[in-house]
Amino acid sequence: NFILLTLAWILVGAMILAYIALLSFGMIEVGMSEILPMYLYMITSLIILVFSFFKAGGVIFQMKNFEILLSLPISKTAVVISRFLSMYTTNMFMSLLIMLPGTIIYGIYNHPGPLFYIFIFIGTLFLPLLPITLSTAVGALIAGIGSRMKHKNLVIAALTIIFAIVVMAGSMLLSGNSGTITPDMIRDITDFMTAQIKKIYPPAVWFGTAAVRTDFISFIMLIGSAVVLFVCMVALVQKYFLTICTALNATHAKNN
């Protein structure tokens, strides 16, 4: 089973690498290389957001071995940070899998300076923080709402599906509006795509501006917002960790 699972992950990884490489090559060929970094950043963030949302409640607030961990000489902060670190490590692998081939192809065709690669590398390291923060907040909120209702599992499933549909609908705005582009608008396609990405996920524009144009202000805004929001989320979860875990995993029985 382990060998088959490993081969399956290798196959999926190879498919993702090939798809991103072809996508990057196609965007460069049609003259959209300037928005390639921000486009890849948005795609990666969206994938991390969706996958983290479905597992945030189970990873961050899971009750497995919960009593054992509390009985050990381990601080509550260490438990919370270790669970966030587990999610971060998994999502970082996904980030590298998408950003790496696109960056290599961009570098081959555009020959950017050293700062481009530095900004890309540092930006990719901080990329998972914002999606993890948002997915944790929404996941905990949905689980909290559902835990107080009679049909808990049904309510949580319904809210989860609704959120996933909203995310997918938002991601389709970019491709849906692209149908209005005519051949006469090709020269404006970069501005058009940038405007759409800014509506969907502004940090992606900061990332692309920092990397392509060596804009230190955009880079500071990107890293600062990611770190501040993530630290606030970790601190909030750490403070109310026991309360949240107890509330999310509580069960209700009929009095009869």
Protein backbone atom coordinates (compact mmCIF):
# COMPACT_ATOMS: atom_id res chain seq x y z
CA ASN A 1 0.00 0.00 0.00
CA PHE A 2 2.83 2.38 0.85
CA ILE A 3 4.58 1.71 -2.47
CA LEU A 4 1.37 2.20 -4.44
CA LEU A 5 0.56 5.40 -2.56
CA THR A 6 4.08 6.72 -3.16
CA LEU A 7 3.85 5.95 -6.88
CA ALA A 8 0.47 7.67 -7.03
CA TRP A 9 1.85 10.83 -5.41
CA ILE A 10 4.86 10.80 -7.76
CA LEU A 11 2.49 10.52 -10.73
CA VAL A 12 0.32 13.37 -9.47
CA GLY A 13 3.39 15.51 -8.82
CA ALA A 14 4.72 14.85 -12.32
CA MET A 15 1.36 15.78 -13.83
CA ILE A 16 1.26 19.04 -11.86
CA LEU A 17 4.82 19.90 -12.92
CA ALA A 18 4.00 19.22 -16.57
CA TYR A 19 0.77 21.23 -16.44
CA ILE A 20 2.39 24.26 -14.78
CA ALA A 21 5.32 24.12 -17.21
CA LEU A 22 2.98 24.10 -20.22
CA LEU A 23 0.82 26.84 -18.71
CA SER A 24 3.85 29.02 -18.04
CA PHE A 25 5.24 28.47 -21.52
CA GLY A 26 1.87 29.31 -23.10
CA MET A 27 1.46 32.55 -21.12
CA ILE A 28 4.97 33.66 -22.07
CA GLU A 29 4.37 32.85 -25.73
CA VAL A 30 1.27 35.08 -25.89
CA GLY A 31 3.06 37.97 -24.18
CA MET A 32 1.69 37.53 -20.65
CA SER A 33 4.97 36.79 -18.90
CA GLU A 34 4.65 39.86 -16.68
CA ILE A 35 1.63 38.47 -14.87
CA LEU A 36 2.87 34.86 -14.72
CA PRO A 37 4.29 35.08 -11.13
CA MET A 38 1.11 36.63 -9.70
CA TYR A 39 -1.08 34.18 -11.63
CA LEU A 40 0.83 31.16 -10.25
CA TYR A 41 0.73 32.70 -6.78
CA MET A 42 -3.05 33.02 -6.95
CA ILE A 43 -3.50 29.45 -8.22
CA THR A 44 -1.28 28.07 -5.46
CA SER A 45 -3.06 30.06 -2.76
CA LEU A 46 -6.46 28.90 -4.01
CA ILE A 47 -5.40 25.24 -3.98
CA ILE A 48 -3.95 25.56 -0.48
CA LEU A 49 -7.09 27.37 0.72
CA VAL A 50 -9.40 24.61 -0.49
CA PHE A 51 -7.30 21.69 0.76
CA SER A 52 -6.49 23.37 4.09
CA PHE A 53 -10.14 24.20 4.63
CA PHE A 54 -11.17 20.56 4.41
CA LYS A 55 -8.50 19.40 6.86
CA ALA A 56 -8.01 22.43 9.14
CA GLY A 57 -10.58 21.30 11.69
CA GLY A 58 -9.21 17.76 11.76
CA VAL A 59 -5.56 18.82 12.08
CA ILE A 60 -5.69 21.90 14.30
CA PHE A 61 -8.58 20.92 16.57
CA GLN A 62 -8.40 17.13 16.43
CA MET A 63 -9.10 15.22 19.63
CA LYS A 64 -6.91 12.22 18.74
CA ASN A 65 -4.32 11.73 21.52
CA PHE A 66 -5.64 14.98 23.00
CA GLU A 67 -5.77 13.69 26.58
CA ILE A 68 -2.30 12.14 26.29
CA LEU A 69 -0.80 15.40 25.05
CA LEU A 70 -2.37 17.36 27.91
CA SER A 71 -0.96 14.95 30.48
CA LEU A 72 2.60 15.32 29.14
CA PRO A 73 4.96 18.16 30.14
CA ILE A 74 4.26 19.94 26.85
CA SER A 75 2.93 23.47 26.70
CA LYS A 76 -0.35 24.23 25.00
CA THR A 77 1.52 26.65 22.74
CA ALA A 78 3.84 23.89 21.53
CA VAL A 79 0.87 21.69 20.65
CA VAL A 80 -0.82 24.46 18.66
CA ILE A 81 2.36 25.49 16.84
CA SER A 82 3.20 21.88 15.97
CA ARG A 83 -0.22 21.40 14.38
CA PHE A 84 0.08 24.60 12.36
CA LEU A 85 3.61 23.54 11.37
CA SER A 86 2.23 20.22 10.12
CA MET A 87 -0.19 22.03 7.80
CA TYR A 88 2.49 24.50 6.73
CA THR A 89 4.93 21.73 5.75
CA THR A 90 2.39 19.95 3.58
CA ASN A 91 1.27 23.15 1.88
CA MET A 92 4.86 24.29 1.33
CA PHE A 93 5.46 21.17 -0.73
CA MET A 94 2.47 22.07 -2.88
CA SER A 95 3.74 25.66 -3.22
CA LEU A 96 7.15 24.52 -4.46
CA LEU A 97 5.54 22.04 -6.84
CA ILE A 98 3.67 24.86 -8.59
CA MET A 99 5.99 27.85 -8.22
CA LEU A 100 9.26 26.09 -9.10
CA PRO A 101 8.57 25.10 -12.74
CA GLY A 102 6.93 28.45 -13.50
CA THR A 103 9.88 30.34 -12.04
CA ILE A 104 12.41 28.28 -14.01
CA ILE A 105 10.60 28.84 -17.31
CA TYR A 106 10.16 32.54 -16.58
CA GLY A 107 13.88 32.82 -15.85
CA ILE A 108 14.88 31.03 -19.05
CA TYR A 109 12.84 33.33 -21.29
CA ASN A 110 13.09 36.68 -19.45
CA HIS A 111 16.52 36.56 -17.74
CA PRO A 112 15.53 38.54 -14.61
CA GLY A 113 18.02 39.87 -12.06
CA PRO A 114 19.03 38.18 -8.80
CA LEU A 115 16.42 40.09 -6.78
CA PHE A 116 13.67 38.36 -8.78
CA TYR A 117 14.73 34.94 -7.52
CA ILE A 118 15.21 36.24 -3.96
CA PHE A 119 11.70 37.72 -3.90
CA ILE A 120 10.22 34.58 -5.44
CA PHE A 121 11.98 32.32 -2.92
CA ILE A 122 11.05 34.35 0.16
CA GLY A 123 7.52 35.00 -1.12
CA THR A 124 6.99 31.27 -1.70
CA LEU A 125 8.13 30.49 1.85
CA PHE A 126 5.43 32.82 3.21
CA LEU A 127 2.82 31.88 0.60
CA PRO A 128 0.92 29.24 2.66
CA LEU A 129 0.41 31.53 5.68
CA LEU A 130 -2.57 33.55 4.40
CA PRO A 131 -4.54 30.57 2.99
CA ILE A 132 -3.92 28.57 6.19
CA THR A 133 -5.09 31.50 8.31
CA LEU A 134 -8.29 31.96 6.32
CA SER A 135 -9.07 28.25 6.07
CA THR A 136 -8.52 27.77 9.82
CA ALA A 137 -10.82 30.66 10.68
CA VAL A 138 -13.59 29.56 8.32
CA GLY A 139 -13.21 25.88 9.21
CA ALA A 140 -13.44 26.59 12.93
CA LEU A 141 -16.43 28.89 12.40
CA ILE A 142 -18.32 26.30 10.37
CA ALA A 143 -17.49 23.51 12.84
CA GLY A 144 -18.53 25.76 15.72
CA ILE A 145 -21.87 26.59 14.12
CA GLY A 146 -22.55 22.97 13.28
CA SER A 147 -21.58 21.66 16.73
CA ARG A 148 -24.43 23.59 18.34
CA MET A 149 -27.09 22.18 16.05
CA LYS A 150 -29.06 18.99 16.23
CA HIS A 151 -27.79 17.41 12.99
CA LYS A 152 -24.17 18.44 13.42
CA ASN A 153 -22.58 16.41 10.62
CA LEU A 154 -25.25 17.38 8.11
CA VAL A 155 -24.94 21.10 8.91
CA ILE A 156 -21.13 21.04 8.73
CA ALA A 157 -21.23 19.20 5.41
CA ALA A 158 -23.73 21.69 3.96
CA LEU A 159 -21.72 24.73 5.11
CA THR A 160 -18.53 23.16 3.76
CA ILE A 161 -20.08 22.60 0.34
CA ILE A 162 -21.40 26.18 0.27
CA PHE A 163 -17.98 27.60 1.09
CA ALA A 164 -16.30 25.42 -1.55
CA ILE A 165 -18.81 26.62 -4.16
CA VAL A 166 -18.14 30.25 -3.22
CA VAL A 167 -14.38 29.74 -3.59
CA MET A 168 -14.77 28.00 -6.94
CA ALA A 169 -17.13 30.69 -8.19
CA GLY A 170 -14.63 33.37 -7.23
CA SER A 171 -11.82 31.58 -9.01
CA MET A 172 -13.95 31.33 -12.16
CA LEU A 173 -14.41 35.10 -12.36
CA LEU A 174 -11.02 35.39 -14.00
CA SER A 175 -11.71 32.86 -16.75
CA GLY A 176 -15.37 33.81 -17.05
CA ASN A 177 -14.64 37.47 -17.79
CA SER A 178 -11.85 36.58 -20.19
CA GLY A 179 -14.47 35.67 -22.78
CA THR A 180 -15.07 39.36 -23.41
CA ILE A 181 -11.53 39.81 -24.74
CA THR A 182 -11.33 40.43 -28.48
CA PRO A 183 -8.24 40.40 -30.72
CA ASP A 184 -8.17 44.20 -30.53
CA MET A 185 -7.70 43.97 -26.75
CA ILE A 186 -4.61 41.74 -26.85
CA ARG A 187 -2.34 44.70 -26.15
CA ASP A 188 -4.30 45.37 -22.94
CA ILE A 189 -4.50 41.78 -21.78
CA THR A 190 -1.88 42.19 -19.04
CA ASP A 191 -3.74 45.08 -17.44
CA PHE A 192 -7.02 43.22 -17.77
CA MET A 193 -5.72 40.07 -16.08
CA THR A 194 -3.99 42.08 -13.36
CA ALA A 195 -7.25 43.85 -12.55
CA GLN A 196 -9.10 40.53 -12.30
CA ILE A 197 -6.44 38.95 -10.09
CA LYS A 198 -6.50 42.03 -7.85
CA LYS A 199 -10.24 41.57 -7.36
CA ILE A 200 -9.87 37.90 -6.46
CA TYR A 201 -6.64 37.92 -4.42
CA PRO A 202 -4.74 41.22 -3.94
CA PRO A 203 -1.65 39.61 -2.28
CA ALA A 204 -0.94 37.90 -5.62
CA VAL A 205 -0.58 41.33 -7.24
CA TRP A 206 1.80 42.42 -4.49
CA PHE A 207 3.85 39.28 -5.09
CA GLY A 208 3.99 39.78 -8.86
CA THR A 209 4.81 43.49 -8.57
CA ALA A 210 7.58 42.81 -6.05
CA ALA A 211 9.18 40.06 -8.14
CA VAL A 212 8.85 41.49 -11.65
CA ARG A 213 9.36 45.19 -10.88
CA THR A 214 11.58 44.80 -7.77
CA ASP A 215 9.09 46.76 -5.67
CA PHE A 216 10.19 46.62 -2.03
CA ILE A 217 6.98 48.26 -0.78
CA SER A 218 4.79 45.56 -2.33
CA PHE A 219 7.13 42.91 -0.96
CA ILE A 220 6.91 44.33 2.58
CA MET A 221 3.12 44.56 2.30
CA LEU A 222 2.94 40.91 1.20
CA ILE A 223 5.21 39.49 3.89
CA GLY A 224 3.91 41.81 6.61
CA SER A 225 0.23 41.01 6.05
CA ALA A 226 0.92 37.26 5.90
CA VAL A 227 3.00 37.21 9.08
CA VAL A 228 0.72 39.52 11.10
CA LEU A 229 -2.49 37.65 10.26
CA PHE A 230 -0.91 34.24 10.79
CA VAL A 231 0.60 35.20 14.14
CA CYS A 232 -2.74 36.65 15.26
CA MET A 233 -4.51 33.44 14.27
CA VAL A 234 -1.98 31.25 16.10
CA ALA A 235 -2.22 33.45 19.21
CA LEU A 236 -6.02 33.37 19.11
CA VAL A 237 -6.15 29.60 18.70
CA GLN A 238 -3.56 29.13 21.44
CA LYS A 239 -5.53 31.27 23.87
CA TYR A 240 -8.86 29.53 23.30
CA PHE A 241 -7.50 26.12 22.25
CA LEU A 242 -9.08 24.05 25.01
CA THR A 243 -12.40 25.88 24.75
CA ILE A 244 -12.55 25.48 20.97
CA CYS A 245 -11.59 21.79 21.03
CA THR A 246 -14.14 21.04 23.73
CA ALA A 247 -16.90 22.93 21.92
CA LEU A 248 -16.17 21.47 18.47
CA ASN A 249 -15.98 17.90 19.72
CA ALA A 250 -18.89 18.02 22.16
CA THR A 251 -21.75 15.59 21.66
CA HIS A 252 -25.38 15.94 22.64
CA ALA A 253 -27.71 13.21 23.81
CA LYS A 254 -31.46 13.19 24.07
CA ASN A 255 -32.80 13.20 27.63
CA ASN A 256 -34.95 10.15 26.95
